[in-house]
Amino acid sequence: ENKMTTSSAEELFETVTSKVKSSPALPLSESLKLKLYGFYKRSTVGSTTESGEPVPSMFSIIARKKYNAWAACDDVEKEDSMLNYVRIVADIDCDLGREVREMLDEFERGGM
């Protein structure tokens, strides 16, 4: 079986997140980086309420932005959150983005 074939959104997400972690900084705007962060946290930890993490102080600007990006994903189903993360990466105009686009297309053809 082709190792690029992913049978589940979770496998696809895990493959893509490991590629993102091992790649150089991606050419992303701050707002897209925050969206990626929010979908990542929702996919791996759950919602902000499930996590029980306190809301960061308004003086911790970066932490607060990251928390708000995560909280914005609270109502997204886990699998949708994983696929949203993958879609953002697939839309980046770089080698990794193109590679992930192919994986995503294959996954979606595989019957979603």
N, C-alpha and C. Protein backbone atom coordinates (compact mmCIF):
# COMPACT_ATOMS: atom_id res chain seq x y z
N GLU A 1 0.86 -1.20 0.00
CA GLU A 1 0.00 0.00 0.00
C GLU A 1 0.89 1.25 0.00
N ASN A 2 0.48 2.23 -0.75
CA ASN A 2 1.21 3.50 -0.85
C ASN A 2 1.21 4.19 0.52
N LYS A 3 2.40 4.53 1.02
CA LYS A 3 2.46 5.13 2.36
C LYS A 3 1.86 6.54 2.42
N MET A 4 1.62 7.15 1.23
CA MET A 4 1.00 8.48 1.20
C MET A 4 -0.50 8.38 1.47
N THR A 5 -1.07 7.19 1.32
CA THR A 5 -2.50 7.03 1.53
C THR A 5 -2.81 7.15 3.01
N THR A 6 -3.68 8.05 3.33
CA THR A 6 -4.07 8.20 4.73
C THR A 6 -5.53 7.84 4.85
N SER A 7 -5.81 6.95 5.78
CA SER A 7 -7.17 6.45 5.91
C SER A 7 -8.02 7.34 6.78
N SER A 8 -7.38 8.17 7.58
CA SER A 8 -8.18 9.00 8.48
C SER A 8 -7.65 10.42 8.53
N ALA A 9 -8.54 11.32 8.91
CA ALA A 9 -8.16 12.73 9.08
C ALA A 9 -7.06 12.83 10.11
N GLU A 10 -7.14 11.98 11.14
CA GLU A 10 -6.14 12.04 12.21
C GLU A 10 -4.75 11.67 11.70
N GLU A 11 -4.67 10.63 10.87
CA GLU A 11 -3.37 10.25 10.31
C GLU A 11 -2.82 11.37 9.43
N LEU A 12 -3.69 11.95 8.61
CA LEU A 12 -3.27 13.04 7.73
C LEU A 12 -2.76 14.21 8.56
N PHE A 13 -3.52 14.58 9.59
CA PHE A 13 -3.15 15.68 10.48
C PHE A 13 -1.79 15.41 11.13
N GLU A 14 -1.60 14.18 11.64
CA GLU A 14 -0.34 13.86 12.32
C GLU A 14 0.84 13.92 11.36
N THR A 15 0.63 13.44 10.14
CA THR A 15 1.69 13.50 9.12
C THR A 15 2.05 14.95 8.83
N VAL A 16 1.02 15.77 8.62
CA VAL A 16 1.26 17.17 8.25
C VAL A 16 1.89 17.95 9.41
N THR A 17 1.41 17.74 10.63
CA THR A 17 2.00 18.49 11.75
C THR A 17 3.47 18.12 11.94
N SER A 18 3.82 16.85 11.73
CA SER A 18 5.24 16.50 11.89
C SER A 18 6.08 17.14 10.78
N LYS A 19 5.51 17.26 9.57
CA LYS A 19 6.23 17.93 8.48
C LYS A 19 6.39 19.42 8.78
N VAL A 20 5.34 20.03 9.33
CA VAL A 20 5.40 21.46 9.66
C VAL A 20 6.47 21.70 10.72
N LYS A 21 6.50 20.83 11.74
CA LYS A 21 7.48 20.99 12.82
C LYS A 21 8.91 20.87 12.32
N SER A 22 9.12 20.02 11.31
CA SER A 22 10.50 19.80 10.85
C SER A 22 10.88 20.70 9.67
N SER A 23 9.97 21.56 9.24
CA SER A 23 10.29 22.43 8.10
C SER A 23 10.72 23.81 8.59
N PRO A 24 11.44 24.54 7.75
CA PRO A 24 11.80 25.91 8.13
C PRO A 24 10.54 26.77 8.28
N ALA A 25 10.69 27.93 8.84
CA ALA A 25 9.54 28.82 9.07
C ALA A 25 8.71 28.96 7.80
N LEU A 26 7.41 28.82 7.94
CA LEU A 26 6.51 28.91 6.79
C LEU A 26 6.15 30.36 6.51
N PRO A 27 6.01 30.72 5.23
CA PRO A 27 5.66 32.10 4.88
C PRO A 27 4.18 32.38 5.15
N LEU A 28 3.85 32.64 6.41
CA LEU A 28 2.46 32.83 6.81
C LEU A 28 2.28 34.17 7.51
N SER A 29 1.14 34.77 7.30
CA SER A 29 0.80 35.99 8.03
C SER A 29 0.55 35.63 9.49
N GLU A 30 0.59 36.63 10.35
CA GLU A 30 0.33 36.37 11.77
C GLU A 30 -1.07 35.78 11.96
N SER A 31 -2.05 36.30 11.22
CA SER A 31 -3.42 35.80 11.42
C SER A 31 -3.54 34.33 11.01
N LEU A 32 -2.83 33.93 9.95
CA LEU A 32 -2.87 32.50 9.57
C LEU A 32 -2.11 31.64 10.56
N LYS A 33 -0.99 32.16 11.09
CA LYS A 33 -0.25 31.41 12.10
C LYS A 33 -1.14 31.18 13.32
N LEU A 34 -1.90 32.20 13.69
CA LEU A 34 -2.80 32.06 14.85
C LEU A 34 -3.91 31.06 14.55
N LYS A 35 -4.44 31.09 13.33
CA LYS A 35 -5.47 30.10 12.96
C LYS A 35 -4.91 28.69 13.04
N LEU A 36 -3.70 28.50 12.52
CA LEU A 36 -3.05 27.19 12.58
C LEU A 36 -2.91 26.75 14.03
N TYR A 37 -2.46 27.68 14.86
CA TYR A 37 -2.28 27.38 16.28
C TYR A 37 -3.62 26.96 16.91
N GLY A 38 -4.67 27.73 16.61
CA GLY A 38 -5.99 27.42 17.17
C GLY A 38 -6.48 26.05 16.76
N PHE A 39 -6.35 25.72 15.47
CA PHE A 39 -6.80 24.41 15.01
C PHE A 39 -5.92 23.30 15.58
N TYR A 40 -4.62 23.59 15.74
CA TYR A 40 -3.71 22.59 16.32
C TYR A 40 -4.12 22.28 17.76
N LYS A 41 -4.33 23.33 18.55
CA LYS A 41 -4.70 23.13 19.95
C LYS A 41 -6.06 22.42 20.07
N ARG A 42 -7.00 22.82 19.23
CA ARG A 42 -8.33 22.19 19.26
C ARG A 42 -8.22 20.71 18.92
N SER A 43 -7.34 20.41 17.95
CA SER A 43 -7.17 19.03 17.50
C SER A 43 -6.44 18.16 18.51
N THR A 44 -5.50 18.75 19.24
CA THR A 44 -4.65 17.94 20.11
C THR A 44 -5.05 18.00 21.58
N VAL A 45 -5.61 19.13 22.02
CA VAL A 45 -5.95 19.29 23.44
C VAL A 45 -7.46 19.26 23.67
N GLY A 46 -8.20 19.75 22.67
CA GLY A 46 -9.65 19.90 22.84
C GLY A 46 -9.99 21.37 22.90
N SER A 47 -11.16 21.67 23.40
CA SER A 47 -11.57 23.08 23.49
C SER A 47 -10.89 23.75 24.67
N THR A 48 -10.94 25.07 24.69
CA THR A 48 -10.34 25.79 25.83
C THR A 48 -11.06 25.42 27.12
N THR A 49 -12.37 25.21 27.05
CA THR A 49 -13.11 24.86 28.27
C THR A 49 -12.73 23.46 28.73
N GLU A 50 -12.56 22.52 27.79
CA GLU A 50 -12.14 21.16 28.17
C GLU A 50 -10.76 21.18 28.82
N SER A 51 -9.91 22.08 28.34
CA SER A 51 -8.52 22.10 28.83
C SER A 51 -8.43 22.65 30.24
N GLY A 52 -9.38 23.51 30.60
CA GLY A 52 -9.34 24.13 31.92
C GLY A 52 -8.24 25.16 32.07
N GLU A 53 -7.59 25.51 30.95
CA GLU A 53 -6.52 26.52 31.03
C GLU A 53 -7.11 27.89 31.30
N PRO A 54 -6.49 28.66 32.19
CA PRO A 54 -6.99 30.01 32.46
C PRO A 54 -6.74 30.94 31.28
N VAL A 55 -7.59 31.93 31.13
CA VAL A 55 -7.40 32.93 30.07
C VAL A 55 -6.19 33.77 30.46
N PRO A 56 -5.23 33.94 29.54
CA PRO A 56 -4.04 34.74 29.88
C PRO A 56 -4.41 36.21 30.14
N SER A 57 -3.60 36.86 30.91
CA SER A 57 -3.79 38.28 31.20
C SER A 57 -3.78 39.10 29.91
N MET A 58 -4.53 40.18 29.90
CA MET A 58 -4.55 41.03 28.70
C MET A 58 -3.19 41.69 28.48
N PHE A 59 -2.34 41.66 29.49
CA PHE A 59 -0.99 42.24 29.34
C PHE A 59 -0.04 41.26 28.65
N SER A 60 -0.43 39.98 28.64
CA SER A 60 0.36 38.96 27.92
C SER A 60 -0.20 38.89 26.50
N ILE A 61 0.21 39.85 25.69
CA ILE A 61 -0.45 40.04 24.39
C ILE A 61 -0.37 38.82 23.49
N ILE A 62 0.82 38.24 23.37
CA ILE A 62 0.98 37.07 22.49
C ILE A 62 0.18 35.88 23.04
N ALA A 63 0.32 35.62 24.32
CA ALA A 63 -0.39 34.49 24.93
C ALA A 63 -1.91 34.67 24.77
N ARG A 64 -2.35 35.90 24.94
CA ARG A 64 -3.78 36.18 24.82
C ARG A 64 -4.26 35.97 23.38
N LYS A 65 -3.47 36.42 22.41
CA LYS A 65 -3.83 36.22 20.99
C LYS A 65 -3.92 34.73 20.67
N LYS A 66 -2.96 33.97 21.18
CA LYS A 66 -2.94 32.53 20.91
C LYS A 66 -4.16 31.87 21.56
N TYR A 67 -4.45 32.27 22.79
CA TYR A 67 -5.60 31.70 23.49
C TYR A 67 -6.89 32.03 22.73
N ASN A 68 -7.02 33.28 22.29
CA ASN A 68 -8.23 33.69 21.56
C ASN A 68 -8.37 32.92 20.25
N ALA A 69 -7.24 32.66 19.57
CA ALA A 69 -7.28 31.88 18.33
C ALA A 69 -7.76 30.46 18.61
N TRP A 70 -7.32 29.92 19.72
CA TRP A 70 -7.74 28.58 20.15
C TRP A 70 -9.22 28.59 20.51
N ALA A 71 -9.63 29.57 21.30
CA ALA A 71 -11.03 29.67 21.73
C ALA A 71 -11.98 29.82 20.53
N ALA A 72 -11.50 30.47 19.47
CA ALA A 72 -12.32 30.65 18.27
C ALA A 72 -12.64 29.31 17.61
N CYS A 73 -11.88 28.28 17.95
CA CYS A 73 -12.09 26.94 17.37
C CYS A 73 -12.88 26.02 18.29
N ASP A 74 -13.32 26.52 19.43
CA ASP A 74 -13.99 25.67 20.42
C ASP A 74 -15.19 24.92 19.86
N ASP A 75 -15.92 25.54 18.94
CA ASP A 75 -17.14 24.91 18.42
C ASP A 75 -16.89 24.05 17.19
N VAL A 76 -15.62 23.95 16.77
CA VAL A 76 -15.29 23.15 15.59
C VAL A 76 -15.10 21.70 16.03
N GLU A 77 -15.69 20.77 15.29
CA GLU A 77 -15.48 19.35 15.60
C GLU A 77 -14.00 19.01 15.44
N LYS A 78 -13.54 18.04 16.22
CA LYS A 78 -12.11 17.69 16.20
C LYS A 78 -11.62 17.34 14.79
N GLU A 79 -12.37 16.49 14.07
CA GLU A 79 -11.92 16.09 12.74
C GLU A 79 -11.89 17.28 11.78
N ASP A 80 -12.90 18.15 11.86
CA ASP A 80 -12.93 19.35 11.01
C ASP A 80 -11.74 20.24 11.33
N SER A 81 -11.42 20.32 12.60
CA SER A 81 -10.29 21.14 13.03
C SER A 81 -8.99 20.61 12.44
N MET A 82 -8.83 19.29 12.45
CA MET A 82 -7.63 18.67 11.86
C MET A 82 -7.54 18.98 10.37
N LEU A 83 -8.68 18.86 9.68
CA LEU A 83 -8.68 19.09 8.24
C LEU A 83 -8.49 20.58 7.92
N ASN A 84 -9.01 21.46 8.77
CA ASN A 84 -8.80 22.90 8.56
C ASN A 84 -7.31 23.23 8.69
N TYR A 85 -6.65 22.62 9.65
CA TYR A 85 -5.21 22.81 9.82
C TYR A 85 -4.48 22.38 8.53
N VAL A 86 -4.83 21.19 8.04
CA VAL A 86 -4.18 20.66 6.83
C VAL A 86 -4.46 21.58 5.64
N ARG A 87 -5.68 22.09 5.53
CA ARG A 87 -6.03 22.96 4.39
C ARG A 87 -5.22 24.25 4.40
N ILE A 88 -5.00 24.82 5.58
CA ILE A 88 -4.21 26.05 5.66
C ILE A 88 -2.79 25.77 5.14
N VAL A 89 -2.20 24.66 5.59
CA VAL A 89 -0.84 24.32 5.15
C VAL A 89 -0.84 24.04 3.64
N ALA A 90 -1.87 23.38 3.14
CA ALA A 90 -1.95 23.03 1.72
C ALA A 90 -2.04 24.28 0.83
N ASP A 91 -2.51 25.38 1.40
CA ASP A 91 -2.66 26.61 0.63
C ASP A 91 -1.40 27.49 0.62
N ILE A 92 -0.38 27.09 1.37
CA ILE A 92 0.85 27.89 1.42
C ILE A 92 1.65 27.67 0.14
N ASP A 93 2.12 28.76 -0.43
CA ASP A 93 2.87 28.67 -1.68
C ASP A 93 4.34 28.35 -1.40
N CYS A 94 4.60 27.09 -1.13
CA CYS A 94 5.97 26.63 -0.92
C CYS A 94 5.98 25.13 -1.18
N ASP A 95 7.15 24.51 -1.14
CA ASP A 95 7.24 23.07 -1.43
C ASP A 95 6.37 22.26 -0.47
N LEU A 96 6.44 22.59 0.81
CA LEU A 96 5.64 21.85 1.78
C LEU A 96 4.15 22.00 1.47
N GLY A 97 3.72 23.21 1.15
CA GLY A 97 2.32 23.44 0.82
C GLY A 97 1.87 22.59 -0.35
N ARG A 98 2.72 22.52 -1.37
CA ARG A 98 2.37 21.72 -2.56
C ARG A 98 2.32 20.24 -2.22
N GLU A 99 3.26 19.78 -1.40
CA GLU A 99 3.28 18.38 -0.98
C GLU A 99 2.01 18.04 -0.20
N VAL A 100 1.64 18.93 0.73
CA VAL A 100 0.45 18.70 1.56
C VAL A 100 -0.82 18.78 0.71
N ARG A 101 -0.82 19.67 -0.29
CA ARG A 101 -1.98 19.77 -1.20
C ARG A 101 -2.23 18.43 -1.89
N GLU A 102 -1.14 17.78 -2.35
CA GLU A 102 -1.28 16.47 -2.99
C GLU A 102 -1.84 15.44 -2.02
N MET A 103 -1.35 15.46 -0.78
CA MET A 103 -1.84 14.52 0.23
C MET A 103 -3.31 14.77 0.53
N LEU A 104 -3.68 16.05 0.62
CA LEU A 104 -5.06 16.40 0.92
C LEU A 104 -5.98 15.99 -0.23
N ASP A 105 -5.55 16.24 -1.46
CA ASP A 105 -6.36 15.86 -2.62
C ASP A 105 -6.58 14.35 -2.65
N GLU A 106 -5.51 13.62 -2.34
CA GLU A 106 -5.60 12.16 -2.32
C GLU A 106 -6.56 11.70 -1.22
N PHE A 107 -6.44 12.33 -0.07
CA PHE A 107 -7.32 11.99 1.05
C PHE A 107 -8.79 12.23 0.69
N GLU A 108 -9.04 13.39 0.06
CA GLU A 108 -10.43 13.74 -0.28
C GLU A 108 -10.96 12.85 -1.39
N ARG A 109 -10.12 12.45 -2.31
CA ARG A 109 -10.55 11.50 -3.36
C ARG A 109 -10.88 10.15 -2.76
N GLY A 110 -10.16 9.81 -1.68
CA GLY A 110 -10.34 8.53 -1.01
C GLY A 110 -11.70 8.40 -0.36
N GLY A 111 -12.56 9.40 -0.57
CA GLY A 111 -13.93 9.32 -0.07
C GLY A 111 -14.06 9.88 1.32
N MET A 112 -14.48 11.13 1.36
CA MET A 112 -14.69 11.76 2.66
C MET A 112 -16.13 11.67 3.03
